């Protein structure tokens, strides 16, 4: 996951060439229904960027809770493993995930030649 994040950041950096942005924070959206452990991602990020143009940049992770939609009653709900991810209103199995699988860059705080900016990254 860290490698994919670094590749995305390299692609973003190319959009600012020939300048190299000084990144302070990369804001991520991480869904609770992904296989990503936020603490582990932060640790691997810190090691990976140590001697790079991203040295000192930190990750700010916003957790996105799992929400499902019942296809029978059209209600949204917070599924749980205790309920077998079933709809609480009719016990129908979860067929549609509304949110919770996100893993994307929300924004990047950076500066170019002393100017601060916050870049809203495109959804990927």
PDB file of N, CA and C in Angstrom:
ATOM      1  N   UNK A   1       0.815  -1.181   0.000  1.00  0.00           N
ATOM      2  CA  UNK A   1       0.000   0.000   0.000  1.00  0.00           C
ATOM      3  C   UNK A   1       0.869   1.260   0.000  1.00  0.00           C
ATOM      4  N   UNK A   2       1.937   1.227   0.791  1.00  0.00           N
ATOM      5  CA  UNK A   2       2.834   2.383   0.853  1.00  0.00           C
ATOM      6  C   UNK A   2       3.450   2.650  -0.508  1.00  0.00           C
ATOM      7  N   UNK A   3       3.824   1.590  -1.196  1.00  0.00           N
ATOM      8  CA  UNK A   3       4.420   1.745  -2.533  1.00  0.00           C
ATOM      9  C   UNK A   3       3.443   2.430  -3.487  1.00  0.00           C
ATOM     10  N   UNK A   4       2.185   2.039  -3.465  1.00  0.00           N
ATOM     11  CA  UNK A   4       1.171   2.668  -4.321  1.00  0.00           C
ATOM     12  C   UNK A   4       1.003   4.140  -3.968  1.00  0.00           C
ATOM     13  N   UNK A   5       1.033   4.446  -2.689  1.00  0.00           N
ATOM     14  CA  UNK A   5       0.926   5.831  -2.242  1.00  0.00           C
ATOM     15  C   UNK A   5       2.127   6.648  -2.733  1.00  0.00           C
ATOM     16  N   UNK A   6       3.324   6.074  -2.638  1.00  0.00           N
ATOM     17  CA  UNK A   6       4.529   6.764  -3.117  1.00  0.00           C
ATOM     18  C   UNK A   6       4.477   6.983  -4.629  1.00  0.00           C
ATOM     19  N   UNK A   7       3.981   6.004  -5.371  1.00  0.00           N
ATOM     20  CA  UNK A   7       3.847   6.158  -6.823  1.00  0.00           C
ATOM     21  C   UNK A   7       2.850   7.269  -7.164  1.00  0.00           C
ATOM     22  N   UNK A   8       1.757   7.351  -6.416  1.00  0.00           N
ATOM     23  CA  UNK A   8       0.779   8.426  -6.634  1.00  0.00           C
ATOM     24  C   UNK A   8       1.402   9.785  -6.344  1.00  0.00           C
ATOM     25  N   UNK A   9       2.206   9.856  -5.303  1.00  0.00           N
ATOM     26  CA  UNK A   9       2.859  11.113  -4.956  1.00  0.00           C
ATOM     27  C   UNK A   9       3.885  11.516  -6.016  1.00  0.00           C
ATOM     28  N   UNK A  10       4.590  10.562  -6.578  1.00  0.00           N
ATOM     29  CA  UNK A  10       5.552  10.854  -7.659  1.00  0.00           C
ATOM     30  C   UNK A  10       4.819  11.408  -8.878  1.00  0.00           C
ATOM     31  N   UNK A  11       3.687  10.812  -9.198  1.00  0.00           N
ATOM     32  CA  UNK A  11       2.880  11.292 -10.322  1.00  0.00           C
ATOM     33  C   UNK A  11       2.404  12.725 -10.062  1.00  0.00           C
ATOM     34  N   UNK A  12       1.948  12.987  -8.839  1.00  0.00           N
ATOM     35  CA  UNK A  12       1.501  14.323  -8.454  1.00  0.00           C
ATOM     36  C   UNK A  12       2.650  15.322  -8.563  1.00  0.00           C
ATOM     37  N   UNK A  13       3.837  14.924  -8.116  1.00  0.00           N
ATOM     38  CA  UNK A  13       5.018  15.794  -8.160  1.00  0.00           C
ATOM     39  C   UNK A  13       5.360  16.192  -9.602  1.00  0.00           C
ATOM     40  N   UNK A  14       5.222  15.252 -10.521  1.00  0.00           N
ATOM     41  CA  UNK A  14       5.523  15.549 -11.944  1.00  0.00           C
ATOM     42  C   UNK A  14       4.647  16.684 -12.467  1.00  0.00           C
ATOM     43  N   UNK A  15       3.469  16.837 -11.922  1.00  0.00           N
ATOM     44  CA  UNK A  15       2.576  17.918 -12.326  1.00  0.00           C
ATOM     45  C   UNK A  15       3.061  19.292 -11.892  1.00  0.00           C
ATOM     46  N   UNK A  16       4.058  19.337 -11.021  1.00  0.00           N
ATOM     47  CA  UNK A  16       4.613  20.600 -10.542  1.00  0.00           C
ATOM     48  C   UNK A  16       6.005  20.881 -11.116  1.00  0.00           C
ATOM     49  N   UNK A  17       6.499  19.991 -11.972  1.00  0.00           N
ATOM     50  CA  UNK A  17       7.845  20.140 -12.540  1.00  0.00           C
ATOM     51  C   UNK A  17       7.960  21.485 -13.254  1.00  0.00           C
ATOM     52  N   UNK A  18       9.097  22.117 -13.186  1.00  0.00           N
ATOM     53  CA  UNK A  18      10.375  21.621 -12.665  1.00  0.00           C
ATOM     54  C   UNK A  18      10.526  21.810 -11.160  1.00  0.00           C
ATOM     55  N   UNK A  19       9.572  22.456 -10.500  1.00  0.00           N
ATOM     56  CA  UNK A  19       9.671  22.659  -9.049  1.00  0.00           C
ATOM     57  C   UNK A  19       9.427  21.345  -8.314  1.00  0.00           C
ATOM     58  N   UNK A  20       9.966  21.249  -7.113  1.00  0.00           N
ATOM     59  CA  UNK A  20       9.691  20.116  -6.235  1.00  0.00           C
ATOM     60  C   UNK A  20       8.943  20.657  -5.025  1.00  0.00           C
ATOM     61  N   UNK A  21       7.676  20.295  -4.885  1.00  0.00           N
ATOM     62  CA  UNK A  21       6.886  20.784  -3.752  1.00  0.00           C
ATOM     63  C   UNK A  21       7.455  20.285  -2.421  1.00  0.00           C
ATOM     64  N   UNK A  22       7.345  21.098  -1.401  1.00  0.00           N
ATOM     65  CA  UNK A  22       7.698  20.697  -0.036  1.00  0.00           C
ATOM     66  C   UNK A  22       6.388  20.281   0.635  1.00  0.00           C
ATOM     67  N   UNK A  23       6.217  18.987   0.793  1.00  0.00           N
ATOM     68  CA  UNK A  23       4.977  18.429   1.340  1.00  0.00           C
ATOM     69  C   UNK A  23       5.082  18.351   2.859  1.00  0.00           C
ATOM     70  N   UNK A  24       4.069  18.860   3.536  1.00  0.00           N
ATOM     71  CA  UNK A  24       4.037  18.758   4.995  1.00  0.00           C
ATOM     72  C   UNK A  24       3.099  17.645   5.454  1.00  0.00           C
ATOM     73  N   UNK A  25       1.937  17.509   4.789  1.00  0.00           N
ATOM     74  CA  UNK A  25       0.957  16.503   5.204  1.00  0.00           C
ATOM     75  C   UNK A  25       0.228  15.937   3.992  1.00  0.00           C
ATOM     76  N   UNK A  26       0.061  14.631   3.994  1.00  0.00           N
ATOM     77  CA  UNK A  26      -0.766  13.947   3.000  1.00  0.00           C
ATOM     78  C   UNK A  26      -1.986  13.430   3.760  1.00  0.00           C
ATOM     79  N   UNK A  27      -3.159  13.924   3.375  1.00  0.00           N
ATOM     80  CA  UNK A  27      -4.415  13.538   4.037  1.00  0.00           C
ATOM     81  C   UNK A  27      -5.041  12.375   3.265  1.00  0.00           C
ATOM     82  N   UNK A  28      -5.261  11.278   3.967  1.00  0.00           N
ATOM     83  CA  UNK A  28      -5.833  10.082   3.349  1.00  0.00           C
ATOM     84  C   UNK A  28      -7.213   9.772   3.912  1.00  0.00           C
ATOM     85  N   UNK A  29      -8.057   9.210   3.057  1.00  0.00           N
ATOM     86  CA  UNK A  29      -9.325   8.615   3.484  1.00  0.00           C
ATOM     87  C   UNK A  29      -9.127   7.105   3.447  1.00  0.00           C
ATOM     88  N   UNK A  30      -9.333   6.448   4.570  1.00  0.00           N
ATOM     89  CA  UNK A  30      -9.151   5.000   4.645  1.00  0.00           C
ATOM     90  C   UNK A  30     -10.421   4.383   5.199  1.00  0.00           C
ATOM     91  N   UNK A  31     -11.068   3.590   4.375  1.00  0.00           N
ATOM     92  CA  UNK A  31     -12.296   2.925   4.791  1.00  0.00           C
ATOM     93  C   UNK A  31     -12.038   1.825   5.799  1.00  0.00           C
ATOM     94  N   UNK A  32     -12.964   1.668   6.718  1.00  0.00           N
ATOM     95  CA  UNK A  32     -12.817   0.648   7.756  1.00  0.00           C
ATOM     96  C   UNK A  32     -13.004  -0.772   7.206  1.00  0.00           C
ATOM     97  N   UNK A  33     -13.470  -0.892   5.974  1.00  0.00           N
ATOM     98  CA  UNK A  33     -13.687  -2.212   5.375  1.00  0.00           C
ATOM     99  C   UNK A  33     -12.585  -2.546   4.365  1.00  0.00           C
ATOM    100  N   UNK A  34     -11.432  -1.885   4.519  1.00  0.00           N
ATOM    101  CA  UNK A  34     -10.260  -2.221   3.711  1.00  0.00           C
ATOM    102  C   UNK A  34      -9.350  -3.093   4.571  1.00  0.00           C
ATOM    103  N   UNK A  35      -8.329  -3.620   3.973  1.00  0.00           N
ATOM    104  CA  UNK A  35      -7.357  -4.430   4.721  1.00  0.00           C
ATOM    105  C   UNK A  35      -6.176  -3.582   5.169  1.00  0.00           C
ATOM    106  N   UNK A  36      -6.367  -2.275   5.285  1.00  0.00           N
ATOM    107  CA  UNK A  36      -5.289  -1.371   5.643  1.00  0.00           C
ATOM    108  C   UNK A  36      -5.324  -1.081   7.134  1.00  0.00           C
ATOM    109  N   UNK A  37      -4.198  -1.273   7.781  1.00  0.00           N
ATOM    110  CA  UNK A  37      -4.033  -0.914   9.183  1.00  0.00           C
ATOM    111  C   UNK A  37      -3.391   0.466   9.221  1.00  0.00           C
ATOM    112  N   UNK A  38      -4.122   1.509   9.634  1.00  0.00           N
ATOM    113  CA  UNK A  38      -3.587   2.872   9.611  1.00  0.00           C
ATOM    114  C   UNK A  38      -2.240   3.038  10.317  1.00  0.00           C
ATOM    115  N   UNK A  39      -2.070   2.438  11.482  1.00  0.00           N
ATOM    116  CA  UNK A  39      -0.810   2.587  12.208  1.00  0.00           C
ATOM    117  C   UNK A  39       0.355   1.994  11.431  1.00  0.00           C
ATOM    118  N   UNK A  40       0.129   0.863  10.821  1.00  0.00           N
ATOM    119  CA  UNK A  40       1.175   0.216  10.029  1.00  0.00           C
ATOM    120  C   UNK A  40       1.502   1.047   8.789  1.00  0.00           C
ATOM    121  N   UNK A  41       0.491   1.644   8.172  1.00  0.00           N
ATOM    122  CA  UNK A  41       0.708   2.493   7.011  1.00  0.00           C
ATOM    123  C   UNK A  41       1.550   3.715   7.386  1.00  0.00           C
ATOM    124  N   UNK A  42       1.269   4.320   8.526  1.00  0.00           N
ATOM    125  CA  UNK A  42       2.048   5.474   8.989  1.00  0.00           C
ATOM    126  C   UNK A  42       3.498   5.069   9.216  1.00  0.00           C
ATOM    127  N   UNK A  43       3.718   3.934   9.841  1.00  0.00           N
ATOM    128  CA  UNK A  43       5.076   3.464  10.126  1.00  0.00           C
ATOM    129  C   UNK A  43       5.855   3.196   8.839  1.00  0.00           C
ATOM    130  N   UNK A  44       5.254   2.490   7.901  1.00  0.00           N
ATOM    131  CA  UNK A  44       5.960   2.187   6.653  1.00  0.00           C
ATOM    132  C   UNK A  44       6.189   3.454   5.835  1.00  0.00           C
ATOM    133  N   UNK A  45       5.262   4.398   5.889  1.00  0.00           N
ATOM    134  CA  UNK A  45       5.422   5.689   5.209  1.00  0.00           C
ATOM    135  C   UNK A  45       6.648   6.420   5.762  1.00  0.00           C
ATOM    136  N   UNK A  46       6.748   6.510   7.087  1.00  0.00           N
ATOM    137  CA  UNK A  46       7.850   7.223   7.719  1.00  0.00           C
ATOM    138  C   UNK A  46       9.201   6.646   7.312  1.00  0.00           C
ATOM    139  N   UNK A  47       9.292   5.332   7.233  1.00  0.00           N
ATOM    140  CA  UNK A  47      10.536   4.685   6.825  1.00  0.00           C
ATOM    141  C   UNK A  47      10.807   4.938   5.339  1.00  0.00           C
ATOM    142  N   UNK A  48       9.784   4.841   4.519  1.00  0.00           N
ATOM    143  CA  UNK A  48       9.948   4.956   3.065  1.00  0.00           C
ATOM    144  C   UNK A  48      10.347   6.352   2.608  1.00  0.00           C
ATOM    145  N   UNK A  49       9.934   7.386   3.314  1.00  0.00           N
ATOM    146  CA  UNK A  49      10.193   8.760   2.851  1.00  0.00           C
ATOM    147  C   UNK A  49      11.439   9.386   3.471  1.00  0.00           C
ATOM    148  N   UNK A  50      12.100   8.696   4.385  1.00  0.00           N
ATOM    149  CA  UNK A  50      13.222   9.263   5.134  1.00  0.00           C
ATOM    150  C   UNK A  50      14.250  10.000   4.282  1.00  0.00           C
ATOM    151  N   UNK A  51      14.700   9.427   3.216  1.00  0.00           N
ATOM    152  CA  UNK A  51      15.764  10.033   2.405  1.00  0.00           C
ATOM    153  C   UNK A  51      15.252  10.462   1.039  1.00  0.00           C
ATOM    154  N   UNK A  52      14.009  10.910   0.990  1.00  0.00           N
ATOM    155  CA  UNK A  52      13.418  11.283  -0.289  1.00  0.00           C
ATOM    156  C   UNK A  52      12.947  12.724  -0.255  1.00  0.00           C
ATOM    157  N   UNK A  53      12.380  13.175  -1.346  1.00  0.00           N
ATOM    158  CA  UNK A  53      11.822  14.524  -1.417  1.00  0.00           C
ATOM    159  C   UNK A  53      10.631  14.693  -0.470  1.00  0.00           C
ATOM    160  N   UNK A  54      10.103  13.596   0.051  1.00  0.00           N
ATOM    161  CA  UNK A  54       8.979  13.624   0.994  1.00  0.00           C
ATOM    162  C   UNK A  54       9.422  13.524   2.457  1.00  0.00           C
ATOM    163  N   UNK A  55      10.716  13.600   2.710  1.00  0.00           N
ATOM    164  CA  UNK A  55      11.228  13.489   4.078  1.00  0.00           C
ATOM    165  C   UNK A  55      10.533  14.517   4.967  1.00  0.00           C
ATOM    166  N   UNK A  56      10.039  14.058   6.100  1.00  0.00           N
ATOM    167  CA  UNK A  56       9.361  14.936   7.047  1.00  0.00           C
ATOM    168  C   UNK A  56       7.865  15.057   6.828  1.00  0.00           C
ATOM    169  N   UNK A  57       7.384  14.628   5.682  1.00  0.00           N
ATOM    170  CA  UNK A  57       5.936  14.693   5.416  1.00  0.00           C
ATOM    171  C   UNK A  57       5.231  13.639   6.271  1.00  0.00           C
ATOM    172  N   UNK A  58       4.093  14.018   6.817  1.00  0.00           N
ATOM    173  CA  UNK A  58       3.351  13.069   7.642  1.00  0.00           C
ATOM    174  C   UNK A  58       2.043  12.681   6.968  1.00  0.00           C
ATOM    175  N   UNK A  59       1.519  11.551   7.400  1.00  0.00           N
ATOM    176  CA  UNK A  59       0.208  11.101   6.932  1.00  0.00           C
ATOM    177  C   UNK A  59      -0.830  11.472   7.982  1.00  0.00           C
ATOM    178  N   UNK A  60      -1.941  12.018   7.535  1.00  0.00           N
ATOM    179  CA  UNK A  60      -3.103  12.265   8.391  1.00  0.00           C
ATOM    180  C   UNK A  60      -4.214  11.386   7.839  1.00  0.00           C
ATOM    181  N   UNK A  61      -4.616  10.419   8.627  1.00  0.00           N
ATOM    182  CA  UNK A  61      -5.575   9.428   8.149  1.00  0.00           C
ATOM    183  C   UNK A  61      -6.943   9.673   8.769  1.00  0.00           C
ATOM    184  N   UNK A  62      -7.929   9.800   7.889  1.00  0.00           N
ATOM    185  CA  UNK A  62      -9.322   9.930   8.315  1.00  0.00           C
ATOM    186  C   UNK A  62     -10.009   8.602   8.027  1.00  0.00           C
ATOM    187  N   UNK A  63     -10.538   7.992   9.063  1.00  0.00           N
ATOM    188  CA  UNK A  63     -11.217   6.718   8.914  1.00  0.00           C
ATOM    189  C   UNK A  63     -12.637   6.944   8.393  1.00  0.00           C
ATOM    190  N   UNK A  64     -13.024   6.135   7.430  1.00  0.00           N
ATOM    191  CA  UNK A  64     -14.370   6.209   6.853  1.00  0.00           C
ATOM    192  C   UNK A  64     -15.122   4.947   7.292  1.00  0.00           C
ATOM    193  N   UNK A  65     -16.191   5.110   8.073  1.00  0.00           N
ATOM    194  CA  UNK A  65     -16.911   3.939   8.572  1.00  0.00           C
ATOM    195  C   UNK A  65     -17.660   3.197   7.465  1.00  0.00           C
ATOM    196  N   UNK A  66     -17.872   1.921   7.711  1.00  0.00           N
ATOM    197  CA  UNK A  66     -18.619   1.082   6.778  1.00  0.00           C
ATOM    198  C   UNK A  66     -20.099   1.419   6.855  1.00  0.00           C
ATOM    199  N   UNK A  67     -20.693   1.666   5.687  1.00  0.00           N
ATOM    200  CA  UNK A  67     -22.138   1.853   5.574  1.00  0.00           C
ATOM    201  C   UNK A  67     -22.648   0.964   4.451  1.00  0.00           C
ATOM    202  N   UNK A  68     -23.728   0.266   4.727  1.00  0.00           N
ATOM    203  CA  UNK A  68     -24.361  -0.557   3.707  1.00  0.00           C
ATOM    204  C   UNK A  68     -25.745  -0.022   3.389  1.00  0.00           C
ATOM    205  N   UNK A  69     -26.276  -0.474   2.267  1.00  0.00           N
ATOM    206  CA  UNK A  69     -27.647  -0.110   1.902  1.00  0.00           C
ATOM    207  C   UNK A  69     -28.413  -1.411   1.677  1.00  0.00           C
ATOM    208  N   UNK A  70     -29.565  -1.483   2.285  1.00  0.00           N
ATOM    209  CA  UNK A  70     -30.424  -2.652   2.113  1.00  0.00           C
ATOM    210  C   UNK A  70     -31.144  -2.530   0.771  1.00  0.00           C
ATOM    211  N   UNK A  71     -31.016  -3.527  -0.065  1.00  0.00           N
ATOM    212  CA  UNK A  71     -31.652  -3.477  -1.382  1.00  0.00           C
ATOM    213  C   UNK A  71     -33.160  -3.732  -1.294  1.00  0.00           C
ATOM    214  N   UNK A  72     -33.621  -4.262  -0.165  1.00  0.00           N
ATOM    215  CA  UNK A  72     -35.051  -4.501  -0.009  1.00  0.00           C
ATOM    216  C   UNK A  72     -35.786  -3.272   0.534  1.00  0.00           C
ATOM    217  N   UNK A  73     -35.255  -2.683   1.591  1.00  0.00           N
ATOM    218  CA  UNK A  73     -35.955  -1.544   2.204  1.00  0.00           C
ATOM    219  C   UNK A  73     -35.301  -0.205   1.848  1.00  0.00           C
ATOM    220  N   UNK A  74     -34.171  -0.233   1.141  1.00  0.00           N
ATOM    221  CA  UNK A  74     -33.436   0.950   0.683  1.00  0.00           C
ATOM    222  C   UNK A  74     -32.876   1.801   1.827  1.00  0.00           C
ATOM    223  N   UNK A  75     -32.820   1.267   3.029  1.00  0.00           N
ATOM    224  CA  UNK A  75     -32.246   1.991   4.157  1.00  0.00           C
ATOM    225  C   UNK A  75     -30.743   1.805   4.233  1.00  0.00           C
ATOM    226  N   UNK A  76     -30.038   2.816   4.745  1.00  0.00           N
ATOM    227  CA  UNK A  76     -28.605   2.668   4.979  1.00  0.00           C
ATOM    228  C   UNK A  76     -28.396   2.335   6.448  1.00  0.00           C
ATOM    229  N   UNK A  77     -27.335   1.576   6.712  1.00  0.00           N
ATOM    230  CA  UNK A  77     -27.060   1.133   8.072  1.00  0.00           C
ATOM    231  C   UNK A  77     -25.569   0.864   8.234  1.00  0.00           C
ATOM    232  N   UNK A  78     -25.145   0.822   9.489  1.00  0.00           N
ATOM    233  CA  UNK A  78     -23.757   0.499   9.819  1.00  0.00           C
ATOM    234  C   UNK A  78     -23.678  -1.001  10.090  1.00  0.00           C
ATOM    235  N   UNK A  79     -23.247  -1.777   9.112  1.00  0.00           N
ATOM    236  CA  UNK A  79     -23.179  -3.231   9.284  1.00  0.00           C
ATOM    237  C   UNK A  79     -22.169  -3.620  10.363  1.00  0.00           C
ATOM    238  N   UNK A  80     -22.438  -4.734  11.004  1.00  0.00           N
ATOM    239  CA  UNK A  80     -21.497  -5.247  11.995  1.00  0.00           C
ATOM    240  C   UNK A  80     -21.338  -6.751  11.802  1.00  0.00           C
ATOM    241  N   UNK A  81     -20.177  -7.246  12.184  1.00  0.00           N
ATOM    242  CA  UNK A  81     -19.938  -8.688  12.060  1.00  0.00           C
ATOM    243  C   UNK A  81     -20.841  -9.468  13.014  1.00  0.00           C
ATOM    244  N   UNK A  82     -21.193  -8.846  14.153  1.00  0.00           N
ATOM    245  CA  UNK A  82     -22.085  -9.517  15.109  1.00  0.00           C
ATOM    246  C   UNK A  82     -23.451  -9.803  14.491  1.00  0.00           C
ATOM    247  N   UNK A  83     -23.900  -8.931  13.579  1.00  0.00           N
ATOM    248  CA  UNK A  83     -25.188  -9.128  12.899  1.00  0.00           C
ATOM    249  C   UNK A  83     -25.011  -9.859  11.573  1.00  0.00           C
ATOM    250  N   UNK A  84     -23.814 -10.326  11.308  1.00  0.00           N
ATOM    251  CA  UNK A  84     -23.551 -10.994  10.039  1.00  0.00           C
ATOM    252  C   UNK A  84     -23.664 -10.042   8.867  1.00  0.00           C
ATOM    253  N   UNK A  85     -23.434  -8.743   9.128  1.00  0.00           N
ATOM    254  CA  UNK A  85     -23.519  -7.683   8.106  1.00  0.00           C
ATOM    255  C   UNK A  85     -24.913  -7.587   7.487  1.00  0.00           C
ATOM    256  N   UNK A  86     -25.912  -8.067   8.188  1.00  0.00           N
ATOM    257  CA  UNK A  86     -27.288  -8.031   7.702  1.00  0.00           C
ATOM    258  C   UNK A  86     -27.958  -6.709   8.060  1.00  0.00           C
ATOM    259  N   UNK A  87     -28.961  -6.370   7.277  1.00  0.00           N
ATOM    260  CA  UNK A  87     -29.751  -5.168   7.533  1.00  0.00           C
ATOM    261  C   UNK A  87     -30.484  -5.321   8.864  1.00  0.00           C
ATOM    262  N   UNK A  88     -30.406  -4.310   9.735  1.00  0.00           N
ATOM    263  CA  UNK A  88     -31.094  -4.423  11.031  1.00  0.00           C
ATOM    264  C   UNK A  88     -32.614  -4.374  10.911  1.00  0.00           C
ATOM    265  N   UNK A  89     -33.145  -3.849   9.791  1.00  0.00           N
ATOM    266  CA  UNK A  89     -34.604  -3.738   9.661  1.00  0.00           C
ATOM    267  C   UNK A  89     -35.248  -5.026   9.171  1.00  0.00           C
ATOM    268  N   UNK A  90     -34.577  -5.741   8.277  1.00  0.00           N
ATOM    269  CA  UNK A  90     -35.218  -6.932   7.701  1.00  0.00           C
ATOM    270  C   UNK A  90     -34.304  -8.159   7.657  1.00  0.00           C
ATOM    271  N   UNK A  91     -33.095  -8.020   8.181  1.00  0.00           N
ATOM    272  CA  UNK A  91     -32.125  -9.117   8.231  1.00  0.00           C
ATOM    273  C   UNK A  91     -31.642  -9.597   6.860  1.00  0.00           C
ATOM    274  N   UNK A  92     -31.875  -8.795   5.827  1.00  0.00           N
ATOM    275  CA  UNK A  92     -31.396  -9.153   4.495  1.00  0.00           C
ATOM    276  C   UNK A  92     -29.867  -9.007   4.461  1.00  0.00           C
ATOM    277  N   UNK A  93     -29.154  -9.938   3.815  1.00  0.00           N
ATOM    278  CA  UNK A  93     -27.695  -9.844   3.735  1.00  0.00           C
ATOM    279  C   UNK A  93     -27.260  -8.556   3.014  1.00  0.00           C
ATOM    280  N   UNK A  94     -26.133  -8.020   3.442  1.00  0.00           N
ATOM    281  CA  UNK A  94     -25.606  -6.802   2.810  1.00  0.00           C
ATOM    282  C   UNK A  94     -25.196  -7.114   1.376  1.00  0.00           C
ATOM    283  N   UNK A  95     -25.759  -6.383   0.436  1.00  0.00           N
ATOM    284  CA  UNK A  95     -25.421  -6.542  -0.976  1.00  0.00           C
ATOM    285  C   UNK A  95     -24.745  -5.311  -1.548  1.00  0.00           C
ATOM    286  N   UNK A  96     -24.954  -4.162  -0.893  1.00  0.00           N
ATOM    287  CA  UNK A  96     -24.403  -2.922  -1.425  1.00  0.00           C
ATOM    288  C   UNK A  96     -23.638  -2.175  -0.332  1.00  0.00           C
ATOM    289  N   UNK A  97     -22.397  -1.825  -0.635  1.00  0.00           N
ATOM    290  CA  UNK A  97     -21.592  -1.022   0.282  1.00  0.00           C
ATOM    291  C   UNK A  97     -21.629   0.419  -0.213  1.00  0.00           C
ATOM    292  N   UNK A  98     -22.074   1.321   0.636  1.00  0.00           N
ATOM    293  CA  UNK A  98     -22.173   2.742   0.307  1.00  0.00           C
ATOM    294  C   UNK A  98     -20.833   3.424   0.538  1.00  0.00           C
ATOM    295  N   UNK A  99     -20.190   3.103   1.643  1.00  0.00           N
ATOM    296  CA  UNK A  99     -18.863   3.646   1.949  1.00  0.00           C
ATOM    297  C   UNK A  99     -18.150   2.692   2.882  1.00  0.00           C
ATOM    298  N   UNK A 100     -16.835   2.872   2.956  1.00  0.00           N
ATOM    299  CA  UNK A 100     -16.035   2.048   3.851  1.00  0.00           C
ATOM    300  C   UNK A 100     -14.932   1.290   3.156  1.00  0.00           C
ATOM    301  N   UNK A 101     -14.896   1.377   1.802  1.00  0.00           N
ATOM    302  CA  UNK A 101     -13.831   0.716   1.045  1.00  0.00           C
ATOM    303  C   UNK A 101     -12.857   1.721   0.445  1.00  0.00           C
ATOM    304  N   UNK A 102     -12.978   2.996   0.852  1.00  0.00           N
ATOM    305  CA  UNK A 102     -12.133   4.048   0.300  1.00  0.00           C
ATOM    306  C   UNK A 102     -10.674   3.853   0.728  1.00  0.00           C
ATOM    307  N   UNK A 103      -9.797   4.195  -0.168  1.00  0.00           N
ATOM    308  CA  UNK A 103      -8.377   4.304   0.122  1.00  0.00           C
ATOM    309  C   UNK A 103      -7.835   5.288  -0.902  1.00  0.00           C
ATOM    310  N   UNK A 104      -7.861   6.572  -0.529  1.00  0.00           N
ATOM    311  CA  UNK A 104      -7.472   7.589  -1.493  1.00  0.00           C
ATOM    312  C   UNK A 104      -6.908   8.821  -0.804  1.00  0.00           C
ATOM    313  N   UNK A 105      -6.174   9.578  -1.590  1.00  0.00           N
ATOM    314  CA  UNK A 105      -5.632  10.839  -1.110  1.00  0.00           C
ATOM    315  C   UNK A 105      -6.757  11.866  -1.164  1.00  0.00           C
ATOM    316  N   UNK A 106      -7.042  12.467  -0.014  1.00  0.00           N
ATOM    317  CA  UNK A 106      -8.073  13.512   0.045  1.00  0.00           C
ATOM    318  C   UNK A 106      -7.475  14.854  -0.329  1.00  0.00           C
ATOM    319  N   UNK A 107      -6.305  15.171   0.249  1.00  0.00           N
ATOM    320  CA  UNK A 107      -5.631  16.431  -0.060  1.00  0.00           C
ATOM    321  C   UNK A 107      -4.175  16.351   0.363  1.00  0.00           C
ATOM    322  N   UNK A 108      -3.400  17.325  -0.111  1.00  0.00           N
ATOM    323  CA  UNK A 108      -1.976  17.395   0.188  1.00  0.00           C
ATOM    324  C   UNK A 108      -1.660  18.822   0.602  1.00  0.00           C
ATOM    325  N   UNK A 109      -1.049  18.976   1.775  1.00  0.00           N
ATOM    326  CA  UNK A 109      -0.587  20.289   2.212  1.00  0.00           C
ATOM    327  C   UNK A 109       0.864  20.422   1.767  1.00  0.00           C
ATOM    328  N   UNK A 110       1.164  21.505   1.045  1.00  0.00           N
ATOM    329  CA  UNK A 110       2.514  21.665   0.507  1.00  0.00           C
ATOM    330  C   UNK A 110       2.801  23.136   0.267  1.00  0.00           C
ATOM    331  N   UNK A 111       4.050  23.415  -0.023  1.00  0.00           N
ATOM    332  CA  UNK A 111       4.437  24.774  -0.398  1.00  0.00           C
ATOM    333  C   UNK A 111       5.373  24.705  -1.602  1.00  0.00           C
ATOM    334  N   UNK A 112       5.307  25.771  -2.390  1.00  0.00           N
ATOM    335  CA  UNK A 112       6.197  25.955  -3.540  1.00  0.00           C
ATOM    336  C   UNK A 112       6.848  27.318  -3.376  1.00  0.00           C
ATOM    337  N   UNK A 113       8.135  27.371  -3.280  1.00  0.00           N
ATOM    338  CA  UNK A 113       8.855  28.636  -3.168  1.00  0.00           C
ATOM    339  C   UNK A 113       8.261  29.554  -2.115  1.00  0.00           C
ATOM    340  N   UNK A 114       7.970  29.003  -0.929  1.00  0.00           N
ATOM    341  CA  UNK A 114       7.478  29.818   0.171  1.00  0.00           C
ATOM    342  C   UNK A 114       5.986  30.073   0.174  1.00  0.00           C
ATOM    343  N   UNK A 115       5.250  29.609  -0.831  1.00  0.00           N
ATOM    344  CA  UNK A 115       3.797  29.793  -0.863  1.00  0.00           C
ATOM    345  C   UNK A 115       3.138  28.517  -0.363  1.00  0.00           C
ATOM    346  N   UNK A 116       2.227  28.650   0.608  1.00  0.00           N
ATOM    347  CA  UNK A 116       1.515  27.473   1.122  1.00  0.00           C
ATOM    348  C   UNK A 116       0.309  27.176   0.249  1.00  0.00           C
ATOM    349  N   UNK A 117      -0.031  25.916   0.205  1.00  0.00           N
ATOM    350  CA  UNK A 117      -1.179  25.496  -0.576  1.00  0.00           C
ATOM    351  C   UNK A 117      -1.745  24.219   0.005  1.00  0.00           C
ATOM    352  N   UNK A 118      -2.961  23.936  -0.340  1.00  0.00           N
ATOM    353  CA  UNK A 118      -3.564  22.657  -0.054  1.00  0.00           C
ATOM    354  C   UNK A 118      -4.179  22.186  -1.361  1.00  0.00           C
ATOM    355  N   UNK A 119      -3.754  21.051  -1.805  1.00  0.00           N
ATOM    356  CA  UNK A 119      -4.182  20.532  -3.098  1.00  0.00           C
ATOM    357  C   UNK A 119      -5.224  19.459  -2.884  1.00  0.00           C
ATOM    358  N   UNK A 120      -6.386  19.634  -3.448  1.00  0.00           N
ATOM    359  CA  UNK A 120      -7.391  18.584  -3.396  1.00  0.00           C
ATOM    360  C   UNK A 120      -7.086  17.625  -4.526  1.00  0.00           C
ATOM    361  N   UNK A 121      -6.683  16.447  -4.162  1.00  0.00           N
ATOM    362  CA  UNK A 121      -6.283  15.457  -5.138  1.00  0.00           C
ATOM    363  C   UNK A 121      -7.520  14.845  -5.793  1.00  0.00           C
ATOM    364  N   UNK A 122      -7.392  14.441  -7.049  1.00  0.00           N
ATOM    365  CA  UNK A 122      -8.534  13.774  -7.705  1.00  0.00           C
ATOM    366  C   UNK A 122      -8.764  12.412  -7.069  1.00  0.00           C
ATOM    367  N   UNK A 123     -10.004  11.991  -7.044  1.00  0.00           N
ATOM    368  CA  UNK A 123     -10.332  10.669  -6.508  1.00  0.00           C
ATOM    369  C   UNK A 123      -9.761   9.617  -7.426  1.00  0.00           C
ATOM    370  N   UNK A 124      -9.181   8.609  -6.835  1.00  0.00           N
ATOM    371  CA  UNK A 124      -8.602   7.491  -7.607  1.00  0.00           C
ATOM    372  C   UNK A 124      -9.191   6.198  -7.147  1.00  0.00           C
TER     373      UNK A 124
END
